[in-house]
């Protein structure tokens, strides 16, 4: 079973998830996606694989998707 990288754990600690329960969400093609739970808080962390091409384009696509989610909530 895959485990999250130190970068994922460090990023979660920075936003207050000290000892999160992590569950991998399958099907990521160019990234690993993790559902994190700490107490009653939840979040999703997406970790891109090293060497991925067109990181700027991917970041723009992710931002557009988050904007879309905010519009439809």
N, C-alpha and C. Protein backbone atom coordinates (compact mmCIF):
# COMPACT_ATOMS: atom_id res chain seq x y z
N UNK A 1 0.85 -1.19 0.00
CA UNK A 1 0.00 0.00 0.00
C UNK A 1 0.89 1.24 0.00
N UNK A 2 0.62 2.20 -0.87
CA UNK A 2 1.44 3.42 -0.93
C UNK A 2 1.32 4.24 0.35
N UNK A 3 2.38 4.93 0.66
CA UNK A 3 2.37 5.82 1.81
C UNK A 3 2.64 7.24 1.33
N UNK A 4 2.08 8.23 2.03
CA UNK A 4 2.30 9.62 1.62
C UNK A 4 3.75 10.03 1.86
N UNK A 5 4.21 10.97 1.06
CA UNK A 5 5.58 11.44 1.20
C UNK A 5 5.69 12.35 2.42
N UNK A 6 6.92 12.64 2.80
CA UNK A 6 7.18 13.57 3.90
C UNK A 6 6.63 14.95 3.57
N UNK A 7 6.64 15.32 2.27
CA UNK A 7 6.10 16.62 1.86
C UNK A 7 4.61 16.73 2.18
N UNK A 8 3.86 15.66 1.96
CA UNK A 8 2.43 15.66 2.24
C UNK A 8 2.19 15.82 3.73
N UNK A 9 2.89 15.04 4.53
CA UNK A 9 2.73 15.10 5.98
C UNK A 9 3.13 16.48 6.50
N UNK A 10 4.21 17.04 5.99
CA UNK A 10 4.67 18.37 6.40
C UNK A 10 3.64 19.44 6.04
N UNK A 11 3.10 19.37 4.84
CA UNK A 11 2.09 20.34 4.42
C UNK A 11 0.85 20.27 5.29
N UNK A 12 0.44 19.08 5.66
CA UNK A 12 -0.72 18.93 6.52
C UNK A 12 -0.46 19.51 7.91
N UNK A 13 0.72 19.30 8.44
CA UNK A 13 1.06 19.87 9.75
C UNK A 13 1.01 21.39 9.72
N UNK A 14 1.43 21.98 8.60
CA UNK A 14 1.42 23.45 8.48
C UNK A 14 0.02 24.03 8.56
N UNK A 15 -0.99 23.25 8.20
CA UNK A 15 -2.37 23.74 8.25
C UNK A 15 -3.16 23.15 9.42
N UNK A 16 -2.44 22.58 10.40
CA UNK A 16 -3.08 22.15 11.63
C UNK A 16 -3.47 20.69 11.72
N UNK A 17 -3.08 19.88 10.77
CA UNK A 17 -3.37 18.44 10.82
C UNK A 17 -2.15 17.75 11.42
N UNK A 18 -2.10 17.66 12.75
CA UNK A 18 -0.91 17.15 13.43
C UNK A 18 -0.69 15.66 13.22
N UNK A 19 -1.70 14.86 13.42
CA UNK A 19 -1.56 13.41 13.25
C UNK A 19 -2.74 12.90 12.43
N UNK A 20 -2.78 13.28 11.15
CA UNK A 20 -3.97 12.95 10.36
C UNK A 20 -4.06 11.47 10.00
N UNK A 21 -5.29 11.02 9.87
CA UNK A 21 -5.56 9.71 9.29
C UNK A 21 -5.58 9.94 7.79
N UNK A 22 -4.78 9.21 7.05
CA UNK A 22 -4.68 9.41 5.60
C UNK A 22 -5.21 8.19 4.85
N UNK A 23 -6.00 8.47 3.83
CA UNK A 23 -6.54 7.42 2.98
C UNK A 23 -6.26 7.80 1.53
N UNK A 24 -5.62 6.93 0.80
CA UNK A 24 -5.32 7.23 -0.60
C UNK A 24 -6.57 7.08 -1.44
N UNK A 25 -6.80 8.06 -2.29
CA UNK A 25 -7.90 8.01 -3.23
C UNK A 25 -7.32 7.51 -4.54
N UNK A 26 -7.77 6.36 -5.02
CA UNK A 26 -7.17 5.76 -6.22
C UNK A 26 -7.53 6.53 -7.49
N UNK A 27 -6.90 6.13 -8.56
CA UNK A 27 -7.16 6.62 -9.92
C UNK A 27 -6.38 7.85 -10.32
N UNK A 28 -5.47 8.36 -9.51
CA UNK A 28 -4.67 9.50 -9.95
C UNK A 28 -3.72 9.07 -11.05
N UNK A 29 -3.75 9.77 -12.17
CA UNK A 29 -2.88 9.41 -13.29
C UNK A 29 -1.54 10.13 -13.21
N UNK A 30 -1.59 11.40 -12.82
CA UNK A 30 -0.35 12.18 -12.77
C UNK A 30 -0.06 12.69 -11.36
N UNK A 31 -0.77 12.12 -10.38
CA UNK A 31 -0.59 12.56 -9.00
C UNK A 31 -1.10 11.49 -8.05
N UNK A 32 -0.75 11.67 -6.78
CA UNK A 32 -1.34 10.87 -5.71
C UNK A 32 -2.30 11.78 -4.96
N UNK A 33 -3.48 11.28 -4.67
CA UNK A 33 -4.47 12.07 -3.97
C UNK A 33 -4.78 11.39 -2.65
N UNK A 34 -4.78 12.20 -1.58
CA UNK A 34 -4.99 11.69 -0.24
C UNK A 34 -6.14 12.42 0.44
N UNK A 35 -6.99 11.68 1.12
CA UNK A 35 -8.01 12.27 1.99
C UNK A 35 -7.41 12.25 3.39
N UNK A 36 -7.39 13.42 4.03
CA UNK A 36 -6.82 13.54 5.37
C UNK A 36 -7.93 13.89 6.35
N UNK A 37 -7.89 13.25 7.52
CA UNK A 37 -8.83 13.56 8.59
C UNK A 37 -8.06 13.75 9.88
N UNK A 38 -8.39 14.83 10.57
CA UNK A 38 -7.80 15.10 11.89
C UNK A 38 -8.93 15.63 12.75
N UNK A 39 -9.39 14.82 13.69
CA UNK A 39 -10.55 15.19 14.48
C UNK A 39 -11.76 15.30 13.58
N UNK A 40 -12.44 16.46 13.60
CA UNK A 40 -13.61 16.64 12.75
C UNK A 40 -13.29 17.42 11.47
N UNK A 41 -12.00 17.60 11.18
CA UNK A 41 -11.59 18.31 9.97
C UNK A 41 -11.18 17.32 8.88
N UNK A 42 -11.55 17.66 7.65
CA UNK A 42 -11.18 16.86 6.48
C UNK A 42 -10.55 17.77 5.44
N UNK A 43 -9.66 17.21 4.65
CA UNK A 43 -9.16 17.91 3.47
C UNK A 43 -8.64 16.88 2.48
N UNK A 44 -8.38 17.35 1.29
CA UNK A 44 -7.81 16.51 0.24
C UNK A 44 -6.47 17.11 -0.15
N UNK A 45 -5.46 16.25 -0.27
CA UNK A 45 -4.12 16.69 -0.65
C UNK A 45 -3.76 15.99 -1.95
N UNK A 46 -3.27 16.78 -2.90
CA UNK A 46 -2.87 16.24 -4.18
C UNK A 46 -1.37 16.44 -4.32
N UNK A 47 -0.66 15.36 -4.56
CA UNK A 47 0.80 15.40 -4.69
C UNK A 47 1.17 14.96 -6.10
N UNK A 48 1.79 15.87 -6.85
CA UNK A 48 2.20 15.54 -8.21
C UNK A 48 3.51 14.77 -8.20
N UNK A 49 3.64 13.87 -9.14
CA UNK A 49 4.86 13.09 -9.29
C UNK A 49 5.99 13.99 -9.75
N UNK A 50 7.21 13.71 -9.29
CA UNK A 50 8.38 14.46 -9.75
C UNK A 50 8.56 14.22 -11.24
N UNK A 51 9.03 15.25 -11.92
CA UNK A 51 9.29 15.13 -13.35
C UNK A 51 8.05 15.31 -14.21
N UNK A 52 6.95 15.65 -13.59
CA UNK A 52 5.73 15.86 -14.38
C UNK A 52 5.92 17.07 -15.29
N UNK A 53 5.45 16.95 -16.50
CA UNK A 53 5.59 18.03 -17.48
C UNK A 53 4.47 19.06 -17.31
N UNK A 54 4.73 20.25 -17.77
CA UNK A 54 3.75 21.32 -17.81
C UNK A 54 3.09 21.60 -16.47
N UNK A 55 3.90 21.78 -15.43
CA UNK A 55 3.36 22.01 -14.10
C UNK A 55 2.51 23.27 -14.05
N UNK A 56 2.92 24.33 -14.75
CA UNK A 56 2.13 25.56 -14.76
C UNK A 56 0.75 25.36 -15.34
N UNK A 57 0.66 24.62 -16.41
CA UNK A 57 -0.63 24.34 -17.05
C UNK A 57 -1.52 23.54 -16.10
N UNK A 58 -0.92 22.60 -15.44
CA UNK A 58 -1.68 21.76 -14.52
C UNK A 58 -2.19 22.59 -13.35
N UNK A 59 -1.36 23.48 -12.83
CA UNK A 59 -1.78 24.34 -11.73
C UNK A 59 -2.94 25.23 -12.15
N UNK A 60 -2.87 25.79 -13.35
CA UNK A 60 -3.98 26.60 -13.85
C UNK A 60 -5.27 25.78 -13.95
N UNK A 61 -5.15 24.55 -14.43
CA UNK A 61 -6.32 23.68 -14.55
C UNK A 61 -6.90 23.37 -13.17
N UNK A 62 -6.05 23.13 -12.20
CA UNK A 62 -6.51 22.86 -10.83
C UNK A 62 -7.22 24.08 -10.26
N UNK A 63 -6.67 25.27 -10.48
CA UNK A 63 -7.29 26.50 -9.98
C UNK A 63 -8.65 26.72 -10.63
N UNK A 64 -8.74 26.50 -11.92
CA UNK A 64 -10.03 26.65 -12.62
C UNK A 64 -11.06 25.66 -12.05
N UNK A 65 -10.62 24.45 -11.77
CA UNK A 65 -11.54 23.46 -11.22
C UNK A 65 -12.02 23.88 -9.83
N UNK A 66 -11.12 24.39 -8.99
CA UNK A 66 -11.53 24.86 -7.66
C UNK A 66 -12.49 26.04 -7.76
N UNK A 67 -12.25 26.94 -8.71
CA UNK A 67 -13.18 28.06 -8.92
C UNK A 67 -14.56 27.53 -9.34
N UNK A 68 -14.57 26.54 -10.18
CA UNK A 68 -15.82 25.93 -10.60
C UNK A 68 -16.55 25.31 -9.41
N UNK A 69 -15.82 24.59 -8.56
CA UNK A 69 -16.45 23.97 -7.38
C UNK A 69 -17.06 25.03 -6.48
N UNK A 70 -16.38 26.16 -6.30
CA UNK A 70 -16.92 27.24 -5.47
C UNK A 70 -18.21 27.80 -6.07
N UNK A 71 -18.28 27.88 -7.38
CA UNK A 71 -19.47 28.43 -8.03
C UNK A 71 -20.69 27.51 -7.87
N UNK A 72 -20.46 26.22 -7.86
CA UNK A 72 -21.60 25.28 -7.82
C UNK A 72 -21.96 24.80 -6.42
N UNK A 73 -21.25 25.24 -5.41
CA UNK A 73 -21.52 24.72 -4.06
C UNK A 73 -22.86 25.08 -3.52
